[in-house]
mmCIF file of all heavy atoms, coordinates in Angstrom:
data_MODEL
# 
_entry.id   MODEL 
# 
loop_
_atom_site.group_PDB 
_atom_site.id 
_atom_site.type_symbol 
_atom_site.label_atom_id 
_atom_site.label_alt_id 
_atom_site.label_comp_id 
_atom_site.label_asym_id 
_atom_site.label_entity_id 
_atom_site.label_seq_id 
_atom_site.pdbx_PDB_ins_code 
_atom_site.Cartn_x 
_atom_site.Cartn_y 
_atom_site.Cartn_z 
_atom_site.occupancy 
_atom_site.B_iso_or_equiv 
_atom_site.pdbx_formal_charge 
_atom_site.auth_seq_id 
_atom_site.auth_comp_id 
_atom_site.auth_asym_id 
_atom_site.auth_atom_id 
_atom_site.pdbx_PDB_model_num 
ATOM 1   N N   . LEU A 1 1  ? 0.776   -1.243 0.000  1.00 0.00 ? 1  LEU A N   1 
ATOM 2   C CA  . LEU A 1 1  ? 0.000   0.000  0.000  1.00 0.00 ? 1  LEU A CA  1 
ATOM 3   C C   . LEU A 1 1  ? 0.807   1.294  0.000  1.00 0.00 ? 1  LEU A C   1 
ATOM 4   O O   . LEU A 1 1  ? 0.232   2.358  -0.263 1.00 0.00 ? 1  LEU A O   1 
ATOM 5   C CB  . LEU A 1 1  ? -0.928  0.019  1.225  1.00 0.00 ? 1  LEU A CB  1 
ATOM 6   C CG  . LEU A 1 1  ? -1.997  -1.066 1.278  1.00 0.00 ? 1  LEU A CG  1 
ATOM 7   C CD1 . LEU A 1 1  ? -2.738  -1.014 2.605  1.00 0.00 ? 1  LEU A CD1 1 
ATOM 8   C CD2 . LEU A 1 1  ? -2.980  -0.931 0.121  1.00 0.00 ? 1  LEU A CD2 1 
ATOM 9   N N   . SER A 1 2  ? 2.092   1.256  0.302  1.00 0.00 ? 2  SER A N   1 
ATOM 10  C CA  . SER A 1 2  ? 2.826   2.512  0.493  1.00 0.00 ? 2  SER A CA  1 
ATOM 11  C C   . SER A 1 2  ? 2.736   3.424  -0.723 1.00 0.00 ? 2  SER A C   1 
ATOM 12  O O   . SER A 1 2  ? 2.521   4.638  -0.597 1.00 0.00 ? 2  SER A O   1 
ATOM 13  C CB  . SER A 1 2  ? 4.291   2.239  0.848  1.00 0.00 ? 2  SER A CB  1 
ATOM 14  O OG  . SER A 1 2  ? 4.924   1.465  -0.145 1.00 0.00 ? 2  SER A OG  1 
ATOM 15  N N   . ASP A 1 3  ? 2.869   2.862  -1.934 1.00 0.00 ? 3  ASP A N   1 
ATOM 16  C CA  . ASP A 1 3  ? 2.775   3.696  -3.141 1.00 0.00 ? 3  ASP A CA  1 
ATOM 17  C C   . ASP A 1 3  ? 1.348   4.147  -3.401 1.00 0.00 ? 3  ASP A C   1 
ATOM 18  O O   . ASP A 1 3  ? 1.117   5.285  -3.822 1.00 0.00 ? 3  ASP A O   1 
ATOM 19  C CB  . ASP A 1 3  ? 3.308   2.929  -4.352 1.00 0.00 ? 3  ASP A CB  1 
ATOM 20  C CG  . ASP A 1 3  ? 4.818   2.759  -4.312 1.00 0.00 ? 3  ASP A CG  1 
ATOM 21  O OD1 . ASP A 1 3  ? 5.484   3.559  -3.613 1.00 0.00 ? 3  ASP A OD1 1 
ATOM 22  O OD2 . ASP A 1 3  ? 5.331   1.833  -4.963 1.00 0.00 ? 3  ASP A OD2 1 
ATOM 23  N N   . LYS A 1 4  ? 0.380   3.281  -3.122 1.00 0.00 ? 4  LYS A N   1 
ATOM 24  C CA  . LYS A 1 4  ? -1.028  3.600  -3.388 1.00 0.00 ? 4  LYS A CA  1 
ATOM 25  C C   . LYS A 1 4  ? -1.556  4.708  -2.480 1.00 0.00 ? 4  LYS A C   1 
ATOM 26  O O   . LYS A 1 4  ? -2.488  5.421  -2.842 1.00 0.00 ? 4  LYS A O   1 
ATOM 27  C CB  . LYS A 1 4  ? -1.906  2.356  -3.202 1.00 0.00 ? 4  LYS A CB  1 
ATOM 28  C CG  . LYS A 1 4  ? -1.613  1.227  -4.171 1.00 0.00 ? 4  LYS A CG  1 
ATOM 29  C CD  . LYS A 1 4  ? -2.522  0.044  -3.881 1.00 0.00 ? 4  LYS A CD  1 
ATOM 30  C CE  . LYS A 1 4  ? -2.233  -1.124 -4.800 1.00 0.00 ? 4  LYS A CE  1 
ATOM 31  N NZ  . LYS A 1 4  ? -3.102  -2.299 -4.497 1.00 0.00 ? 4  LYS A NZ  1 
ATOM 32  N N   . LEU A 1 5  ? -0.962  4.840  -1.274 1.00 0.00 ? 5  LEU A N   1 
ATOM 33  C CA  . LEU A 1 5  ? -1.510  5.761  -0.287 1.00 0.00 ? 5  LEU A CA  1 
ATOM 34  C C   . LEU A 1 5  ? -0.857  7.134  -0.278 1.00 0.00 ? 5  LEU A C   1 
ATOM 35  O O   . LEU A 1 5  ? -1.282  8.014  0.462  1.00 0.00 ? 5  LEU A O   1 
ATOM 36  C CB  . LEU A 1 5  ? -1.400  5.151  1.116  1.00 0.00 ? 5  LEU A CB  1 
ATOM 37  C CG  . LEU A 1 5  ? -2.205  3.873  1.364  1.00 0.00 ? 5  LEU A CG  1 
ATOM 38  C CD1 . LEU A 1 5  ? -2.115  3.473  2.822  1.00 0.00 ? 5  LEU A CD1 1 
ATOM 39  C CD2 . LEU A 1 5  ? -3.661  4.051  0.960  1.00 0.00 ? 5  LEU A CD2 1 
ATOM 40  N N   . LYS A 1 6  ? 0.166   7.339  -1.092 1.00 0.00 ? 6  LYS A N   1 
ATOM 41  C CA  . LYS A 1 6  ? 0.844   8.638  -1.075 1.00 0.00 ? 6  LYS A CA  1 
ATOM 42  C C   . LYS A 1 6  ? -0.108  9.769  -1.448 1.00 0.00 ? 6  LYS A C   1 
ATOM 43  O O   . LYS A 1 6  ? -0.105  10.834 -0.831 1.00 0.00 ? 6  LYS A O   1 
ATOM 44  C CB  . LYS A 1 6  ? 2.054   8.609  -2.007 1.00 0.00 ? 6  LYS A CB  1 
ATOM 45  C CG  . LYS A 1 6  ? 3.215   7.800  -1.435 1.00 0.00 ? 6  LYS A CG  1 
ATOM 46  C CD  . LYS A 1 6  ? 4.386   7.734  -2.378 1.00 0.00 ? 6  LYS A CD  1 
ATOM 47  C CE  . LYS A 1 6  ? 5.506   6.898  -1.758 1.00 0.00 ? 6  LYS A CE  1 
ATOM 48  N NZ  . LYS A 1 6  ? 6.648   6.732  -2.680 1.00 0.00 ? 6  LYS A NZ  1 
ATOM 49  N N   . GLU A 1 7  ? -0.946  9.543  -2.440 1.00 0.00 ? 7  GLU A N   1 
ATOM 50  C CA  . GLU A 1 7  ? -1.931  10.565 -2.827 1.00 0.00 ? 7  GLU A CA  1 
ATOM 51  C C   . GLU A 1 7  ? -2.962  10.763 -1.730 1.00 0.00 ? 7  GLU A C   1 
ATOM 52  O O   . GLU A 1 7  ? -3.348  11.884 -1.415 1.00 0.00 ? 7  GLU A O   1 
ATOM 53  C CB  . GLU A 1 7  ? -2.623  10.158 -4.123 1.00 0.00 ? 7  GLU A CB  1 
ATOM 54  C CG  . GLU A 1 7  ? -3.647  11.168 -4.628 1.00 0.00 ? 7  GLU A CG  1 
ATOM 55  C CD  . GLU A 1 7  ? -4.308  10.728 -5.909 1.00 0.00 ? 7  GLU A CD  1 
ATOM 56  O OE1 . GLU A 1 7  ? -3.806  9.801  -6.572 1.00 0.00 ? 7  GLU A OE1 1 
ATOM 57  O OE2 . GLU A 1 7  ? -5.345  11.313 -6.261 1.00 0.00 ? 7  GLU A OE2 1 
ATOM 58  N N   . LEU A 1 8  ? -3.417  9.673  -1.113 1.00 0.00 ? 8  LEU A N   1 
ATOM 59  C CA  . LEU A 1 8  ? -4.366  9.775  -0.006 1.00 0.00 ? 8  LEU A CA  1 
ATOM 60  C C   . LEU A 1 8  ? -3.766  10.529 1.167  1.00 0.00 ? 8  LEU A C   1 
ATOM 61  O O   . LEU A 1 8  ? -4.445  11.285 1.849  1.00 0.00 ? 8  LEU A O   1 
ATOM 62  C CB  . LEU A 1 8  ? -4.794  8.388  0.465  1.00 0.00 ? 8  LEU A CB  1 
ATOM 63  C CG  . LEU A 1 8  ? -5.977  7.718  -0.224 1.00 0.00 ? 8  LEU A CG  1 
ATOM 64  C CD1 . LEU A 1 8  ? -6.258  6.389  0.430  1.00 0.00 ? 8  LEU A CD1 1 
ATOM 65  C CD2 . LEU A 1 8  ? -7.205  8.592  -0.198 1.00 0.00 ? 8  LEU A CD2 1 
ATOM 66  N N   . GLY A 1 9  ? -2.477  10.315 1.410  1.00 0.00 ? 9  GLY A N   1 
ATOM 67  C CA  . GLY A 1 9  ? -1.817  10.984 2.533  1.00 0.00 ? 9  GLY A CA  1 
ATOM 68  C C   . GLY A 1 9  ? -1.856  12.481 2.391  1.00 0.00 ? 9  GLY A C   1 
ATOM 69  O O   . GLY A 1 9  ? -2.090  13.210 3.358  1.00 0.00 ? 9  GLY A O   1 
ATOM 70  N N   . ALA A 1 10 ? -1.672  12.976 1.180  1.00 0.00 ? 10 ALA A N   1 
ATOM 71  C CA  . ALA A 1 10 ? -1.732  14.417 0.954  1.00 0.00 ? 10 ALA A CA  1 
ATOM 72  C C   . ALA A 1 10 ? -3.119  14.960 1.244  1.00 0.00 ? 10 ALA A C   1 
ATOM 73  O O   . ALA A 1 10 ? -3.299  16.014 1.839  1.00 0.00 ? 10 ALA A O   1 
ATOM 74  C CB  . ALA A 1 10 ? -1.331  14.730 -0.488 1.00 0.00 ? 10 ALA A CB  1 
ATOM 75  N N   . GLU A 1 11 ? -4.139  14.188 0.851  1.00 0.00 ? 11 GLU A N   1 
ATOM 76  C CA  . GLU A 1 11 ? -5.518  14.616 1.122  1.00 0.00 ? 11 GLU A CA  1 
ATOM 77  C C   . GLU A 1 11 ? -5.809  14.630 2.608  1.00 0.00 ? 11 GLU A C   1 
ATOM 78  O O   . GLU A 1 11 ? -6.443  15.531 3.136  1.00 0.00 ? 11 GLU A O   1 
ATOM 79  C CB  . GLU A 1 11 ? -6.495  13.672 0.417  1.00 0.00 ? 11 GLU A CB  1 
ATOM 80  C CG  . GLU A 1 11 ? -7.963  14.024 0.641  1.00 0.00 ? 11 GLU A CG  1 
ATOM 81  C CD  . GLU A 1 11 ? -8.889  13.021 -0.001 1.00 0.00 ? 11 GLU A CD  1 
ATOM 82  O OE1 . GLU A 1 11 ? -8.483  12.373 -0.984 1.00 0.00 ? 11 GLU A OE1 1 
ATOM 83  O OE2 . GLU A 1 11 ? -10.036 12.901 0.472  1.00 0.00 ? 11 GLU A OE2 1 
ATOM 84  N N   . GLY A 1 12 ? -5.335  13.603 3.319  1.00 0.00 ? 12 GLY A N   1 
ATOM 85  C CA  . GLY A 1 12 ? -5.586  13.520 4.749  1.00 0.00 ? 12 GLY A CA  1 
ATOM 86  C C   . GLY A 1 12 ? -4.915  14.627 5.523  1.00 0.00 ? 12 GLY A C   1 
ATOM 87  O O   . GLY A 1 12 ? -5.444  15.114 6.516  1.00 0.00 ? 12 GLY A O   1 
ATOM 88  N N   . ASP A 1 13 ? -3.755  15.069 5.080  1.00 0.00 ? 13 ASP A N   1 
ATOM 89  C CA  . ASP A 1 13 ? -3.057  16.136 5.782  1.00 0.00 ? 13 ASP A CA  1 
ATOM 90  C C   . ASP A 1 13 ? -3.832  17.435 5.730  1.00 0.00 ? 13 ASP A C   1 
ATOM 91  O O   . ASP A 1 13 ? -3.728  18.271 6.618  1.00 0.00 ? 13 ASP A O   1 
ATOM 92  C CB  . ASP A 1 13 ? -1.670  16.340 5.170  1.00 0.00 ? 13 ASP A CB  1 
ATOM 93  C CG  . ASP A 1 13 ? -0.716  15.220 5.561  1.00 0.00 ? 13 ASP A CG  1 
ATOM 94  O OD1 . ASP A 1 13 ? -1.058  14.476 6.492  1.00 0.00 ? 13 ASP A OD1 1 
ATOM 95  O OD2 . ASP A 1 13 ? 0.348   15.098 4.942  1.00 0.00 ? 13 ASP A OD2 1 
ATOM 96  N N   . VAL A 1 14 ? -4.631  17.612 4.677  1.00 0.00 ? 14 VAL A N   1 
ATOM 97  C CA  . VAL A 1 14 ? -5.454  18.821 4.596  1.00 0.00 ? 14 VAL A CA  1 
ATOM 98  C C   . VAL A 1 14 ? -6.514  18.804 5.673  1.00 0.00 ? 14 VAL A C   1 
ATOM 99  O O   . VAL A 1 14 ? -6.821  19.808 6.314  1.00 0.00 ? 14 VAL A O   1 
ATOM 100 C CB  . VAL A 1 14 ? -6.119  18.910 3.199  1.00 0.00 ? 14 VAL A CB  1 
ATOM 101 C CG1 . VAL A 1 14 ? -7.142  20.040 3.173  1.00 0.00 ? 14 VAL A CG1 1 
ATOM 102 C CG2 . VAL A 1 14 ? -5.053  19.141 2.129  1.00 0.00 ? 14 VAL A CG2 1 
ATOM 103 N N   . ASP A 1 15 ? -7.077  17.593 5.923  1.00 0.00 ? 15 ASP A N   1 
ATOM 104 C CA  . ASP A 1 15 ? -8.144  17.478 6.913  1.00 0.00 ? 15 ASP A CA  1 
ATOM 105 C C   . ASP A 1 15 ? -7.617  17.546 8.341  1.00 0.00 ? 15 ASP A C   1 
ATOM 106 O O   . ASP A 1 15 ? -8.297  18.035 9.233  1.00 0.00 ? 15 ASP A O   1 
ATOM 107 C CB  . ASP A 1 15 ? -8.885  16.142 6.724  1.00 0.00 ? 15 ASP A CB  1 
ATOM 108 C CG  . ASP A 1 15 ? -9.656  16.127 5.427  1.00 0.00 ? 15 ASP A CG  1 
ATOM 109 O OD1 . ASP A 1 15 ? -9.956  17.218 4.910  1.00 0.00 ? 15 ASP A OD1 1 
ATOM 110 O OD2 . ASP A 1 15 ? -9.950  15.036 4.952  1.00 0.00 ? 15 ASP A OD2 1 
ATOM 111 N N   . ALA A 1 16 ? -6.420  17.039 8.570  1.00 0.00 ? 16 ALA A N   1 
ATOM 112 C CA  . ALA A 1 16 ? -5.899  16.956 9.940  1.00 0.00 ? 16 ALA A CA  1 
ATOM 113 C C   . ALA A 1 16 ? -4.393  17.143 9.929  1.00 0.00 ? 16 ALA A C   1 
ATOM 114 O O   . ALA A 1 16 ? -3.648  16.186 9.758  1.00 0.00 ? 16 ALA A O   1 
ATOM 115 C CB  . ALA A 1 16 ? -6.257  15.601 10.554 1.00 0.00 ? 16 ALA A CB  1 
ATOM 116 N N   . PRO A 1 17 ? -3.918  18.361 10.066 1.00 0.00 ? 17 PRO A N   1 
ATOM 117 C CA  . PRO A 1 17 ? -2.483  18.608 10.051 1.00 0.00 ? 17 PRO A CA  1 
ATOM 118 C C   . PRO A 1 17 ? -1.770  17.733 11.073 1.00 0.00 ? 17 PRO A C   1 
ATOM 119 O O   . PRO A 1 17 ? -2.186  17.630 12.223 1.00 0.00 ? 17 PRO A O   1 
ATOM 120 C CB  . PRO A 1 17 ? -2.376  20.092 10.425 1.00 0.00 ? 17 PRO A CB  1 
ATOM 121 C CG  . PRO A 1 17 ? -3.683  20.674 10.023 1.00 0.00 ? 17 PRO A CG  1 
ATOM 122 C CD  . PRO A 1 17 ? -4.691  19.597 10.270 1.00 0.00 ? 17 PRO A CD  1 
ATOM 123 N N   . ARG A 1 18 ? -0.703  17.110 10.670 1.00 0.00 ? 18 ARG A N   1 
ATOM 124 C CA  . ARG A 1 18 ? -0.044  16.121 11.507 1.00 0.00 ? 18 ARG A CA  1 
ATOM 125 C C   . ARG A 1 18 ? 1.006   16.738 12.401 1.00 0.00 ? 18 ARG A C   1 
ATOM 126 O O   . ARG A 1 18 ? 1.745   17.617 11.974 1.00 0.00 ? 18 ARG A O   1 
ATOM 127 C CB  . ARG A 1 18 ? 0.618   15.058 10.634 1.00 0.00 ? 18 ARG A CB  1 
ATOM 128 C CG  . ARG A 1 18 ? 1.522   15.630 9.601  1.00 0.00 ? 18 ARG A CG  1 
ATOM 129 C CD  . ARG A 1 18 ? 2.234   14.560 8.792  1.00 0.00 ? 18 ARG A CD  1 
ATOM 130 N NE  . ARG A 1 18 ? 3.478   14.181 9.419  1.00 0.00 ? 18 ARG A NE  1 
ATOM 131 C CZ  . ARG A 1 18 ? 4.428   13.500 8.805  1.00 0.00 ? 18 ARG A CZ  1 
ATOM 132 N NH1 . ARG A 1 18 ? 4.262   13.138 7.559  1.00 0.00 ? 18 ARG A NH1 1 
ATOM 133 N NH2 . ARG A 1 18 ? 5.532   13.189 9.426  1.00 0.00 ? 18 ARG A NH2 1 
ATOM 134 N N   . PRO A 1 19 ? 1.104   16.272 13.639 1.00 0.00 ? 19 PRO A N   1 
ATOM 135 C CA  . PRO A 1 19 ? 2.266   16.620 14.431 1.00 0.00 ? 19 PRO A CA  1 
ATOM 136 C C   . PRO A 1 19 ? 3.457   15.847 13.882 1.00 0.00 ? 19 PRO A C   1 
ATOM 137 O O   . PRO A 1 19 ? 3.305   14.732 13.396 1.00 0.00 ? 19 PRO A O   1 
ATOM 138 C CB  . PRO A 1 19 ? 1.899   16.136 15.840 1.00 0.00 ? 19 PRO A CB  1 
ATOM 139 C CG  . PRO A 1 19 ? 0.884   15.085 15.628 1.00 0.00 ? 19 PRO A CG  1 
ATOM 140 C CD  . PRO A 1 19 ? 0.155   15.433 14.368 1.00 0.00 ? 19 PRO A CD  1 
ATOM 141 N N   . SER A 1 20 ? 4.653   16.403 13.928 1.00 0.00 ? 20 SER A N   1 
ATOM 142 C CA  . SER A 1 20 ? 5.798   15.722 13.352 1.00 0.00 ? 20 SER A CA  1 
ATOM 143 C C   . SER A 1 20 ? 7.017   15.900 14.234 1.00 0.00 ? 20 SER A C   1 
ATOM 144 O O   . SER A 1 20 ? 7.048   16.733 15.134 1.00 0.00 ? 20 SER A O   1 
ATOM 145 C CB  . SER A 1 20 ? 6.081   16.265 11.941 1.00 0.00 ? 20 SER A CB  1 
ATOM 146 O OG  . SER A 1 20 ? 6.358   17.654 12.003 1.00 0.00 ? 20 SER A OG  1 
ATOM 147 N N   . GLY A 1 21 ? 8.039   15.113 13.951 1.00 0.00 ? 21 GLY A N   1 
ATOM 148 C CA  . GLY A 1 21 ? 9.287   15.185 14.685 1.00 0.00 ? 21 GLY A CA  1 
ATOM 149 C C   . GLY A 1 21 ? 9.522   13.925 15.496 1.00 0.00 ? 21 GLY A C   1 
ATOM 150 O O   . GLY A 1 21 ? 8.578   13.236 15.902 1.00 0.00 ? 21 GLY A O   1 
ATOM 151 N N   . ALA A 1 22 ? 10.802  13.618 15.720 1.00 0.00 ? 22 ALA A N   1 
ATOM 152 C CA  . ALA A 1 22 ? 11.149  12.412 16.470 1.00 0.00 ? 22 ALA A CA  1 
ATOM 153 C C   . ALA A 1 22 ? 10.596  12.451 17.888 1.00 0.00 ? 22 ALA A C   1 
ATOM 154 O O   . ALA A 1 22 ? 10.151  11.428 18.427 1.00 0.00 ? 22 ALA A O   1 
ATOM 155 C CB  . ALA A 1 22 ? 12.670  12.250 16.501 1.00 0.00 ? 22 ALA A CB  1 
ATOM 156 N N   . ASN A 1 23 ? 10.598  13.623 18.516 1.00 0.00 ? 23 ASN A N   1 
ATOM 157 C CA  . ASN A 1 23 ? 10.093  13.708 19.888 1.00 0.00 ? 23 ASN A CA  1 
ATOM 158 C C   . ASN A 1 23 ? 8.597   13.411 19.940 1.00 0.00 ? 23 ASN A C   1 
ATOM 159 O O   . ASN A 1 23 ? 8.104   12.795 20.896 1.00 0.00 ? 23 ASN A O   1 
ATOM 160 C CB  . ASN A 1 23 ? 10.393  15.092 20.488 1.00 0.00 ? 23 ASN A CB  1 
ATOM 161 C CG  . ASN A 1 23 ? 9.788   16.225 19.684 1.00 0.00 ? 23 ASN A CG  1 
ATOM 162 O OD1 . ASN A 1 23 ? 9.599   16.103 18.475 1.00 0.00 ? 23 ASN A OD1 1 
ATOM 163 N ND2 . ASN A 1 23 ? 9.494   17.336 20.337 1.00 0.00 ? 23 ASN A ND2 1 
ATOM 164 N N   . VAL A 1 24 ? 7.874   13.841 18.906 1.00 0.00 ? 24 VAL A N   1 
ATOM 165 C CA  . VAL A 1 24 ? 6.433   13.579 18.851 1.00 0.00 ? 24 VAL A CA  1 
ATOM 166 C C   . VAL A 1 24 ? 6.172   12.081 18.705 1.00 0.00 ? 24 VAL A C   1 
ATOM 167 O O   . VAL A 1 24 ? 5.355   11.498 19.415 1.00 0.00 ? 24 VAL A O   1 
ATOM 168 C CB  . VAL A 1 24 ? 5.798   14.362 17.682 1.00 0.00 ? 24 VAL A CB  1 
ATOM 169 C CG1 . VAL A 1 24 ? 4.350   13.935 17.478 1.00 0.00 ? 24 VAL A CG1 1 
ATOM 170 C CG2 . VAL A 1 24 ? 5.881   15.859 17.934 1.00 0.00 ? 24 VAL A CG2 1 
ATOM 171 N N   . ASP A 1 25 ? 6.882   11.451 17.772 1.00 0.00 ? 25 ASP A N   1 
ATOM 172 C CA  . ASP A 1 25 ? 6.702   10.011 17.576 1.00 0.00 ? 25 ASP A CA  1 
ATOM 173 C C   . ASP A 1 25 ? 7.094   9.226  18.823 1.00 0.00 ? 25 ASP A C   1 
ATOM 174 O O   . ASP A 1 25 ? 6.426   8.247  19.188 1.00 0.00 ? 25 ASP A O   1 
ATOM 175 C CB  . ASP A 1 25 ? 7.528   9.541  16.373 1.00 0.00 ? 25 ASP A CB  1 
ATOM 176 C CG  . ASP A 1 25 ? 6.954   10.018 15.048 1.00 0.00 ? 25 ASP A CG  1 
ATOM 177 O OD1 . ASP A 1 25 ? 5.755   10.330 15.009 1.00 0.00 ? 25 ASP A OD1 1 
ATOM 178 O OD2 . ASP A 1 25 ? 7.716   10.080 14.066 1.00 0.00 ? 25 ASP A OD2 1 
ATOM 179 N N   . ASP A 1 26 ? 8.169   9.639  19.475 1.00 0.00 ? 26 ASP A N   1 
ATOM 180 C CA  . ASP A 1 26 ? 8.601   8.957  20.705 1.00 0.00 ? 26 ASP A CA  1 
ATOM 181 C C   . ASP A 1 26 ? 7.538   9.083  21.793 1.00 0.00 ? 26 ASP A C   1 
ATOM 182 O O   . ASP A 1 26 ? 7.263   8.125  22.534 1.00 0.00 ? 26 ASP A O   1 
ATOM 183 C CB  . ASP A 1 26 ? 9.921   9.545  21.206 1.00 0.00 ? 26 ASP A CB  1 
ATOM 184 C CG  . ASP A 1 26 ? 11.109  9.138  20.342 1.00 0.00 ? 26 ASP A CG  1 
ATOM 185 O OD1 . ASP A 1 26 ? 10.947  8.206  19.531 1.00 0.00 ? 26 ASP A OD1 1 
ATOM 186 O OD2 . ASP A 1 26 ? 12.172  9.768  20.470 1.00 0.00 ? 26 ASP A OD2 1 
ATOM 187 N N   . ALA A 1 27 ? 6.935   10.259 21.891 1.00 0.00 ? 27 ALA A N   1 
ATOM 188 C CA  . ALA A 1 27 ? 5.908   10.473 22.904 1.00 0.00 ? 27 ALA A CA  1 
ATOM 189 C C   . ALA A 1 27 ? 4.681   9.612  22.635 1.00 0.00 ? 27 ALA A C   1 
ATOM 190 O O   . ALA A 1 27 ? 4.125   8.987  23.552 1.00 0.00 ? 27 ALA A O   1 
ATOM 191 C CB  . ALA A 1 27 ? 5.511   11.954 22.949 1.00 0.00 ? 27 ALA A CB  1 
# 
């Protein structure tokens, strides 16, 4: 699915801006 979902990922980011960064993922 990784290639199939790249376009979907862009759409989802519009709906819900993602927190990012190693500290966020670790938390």
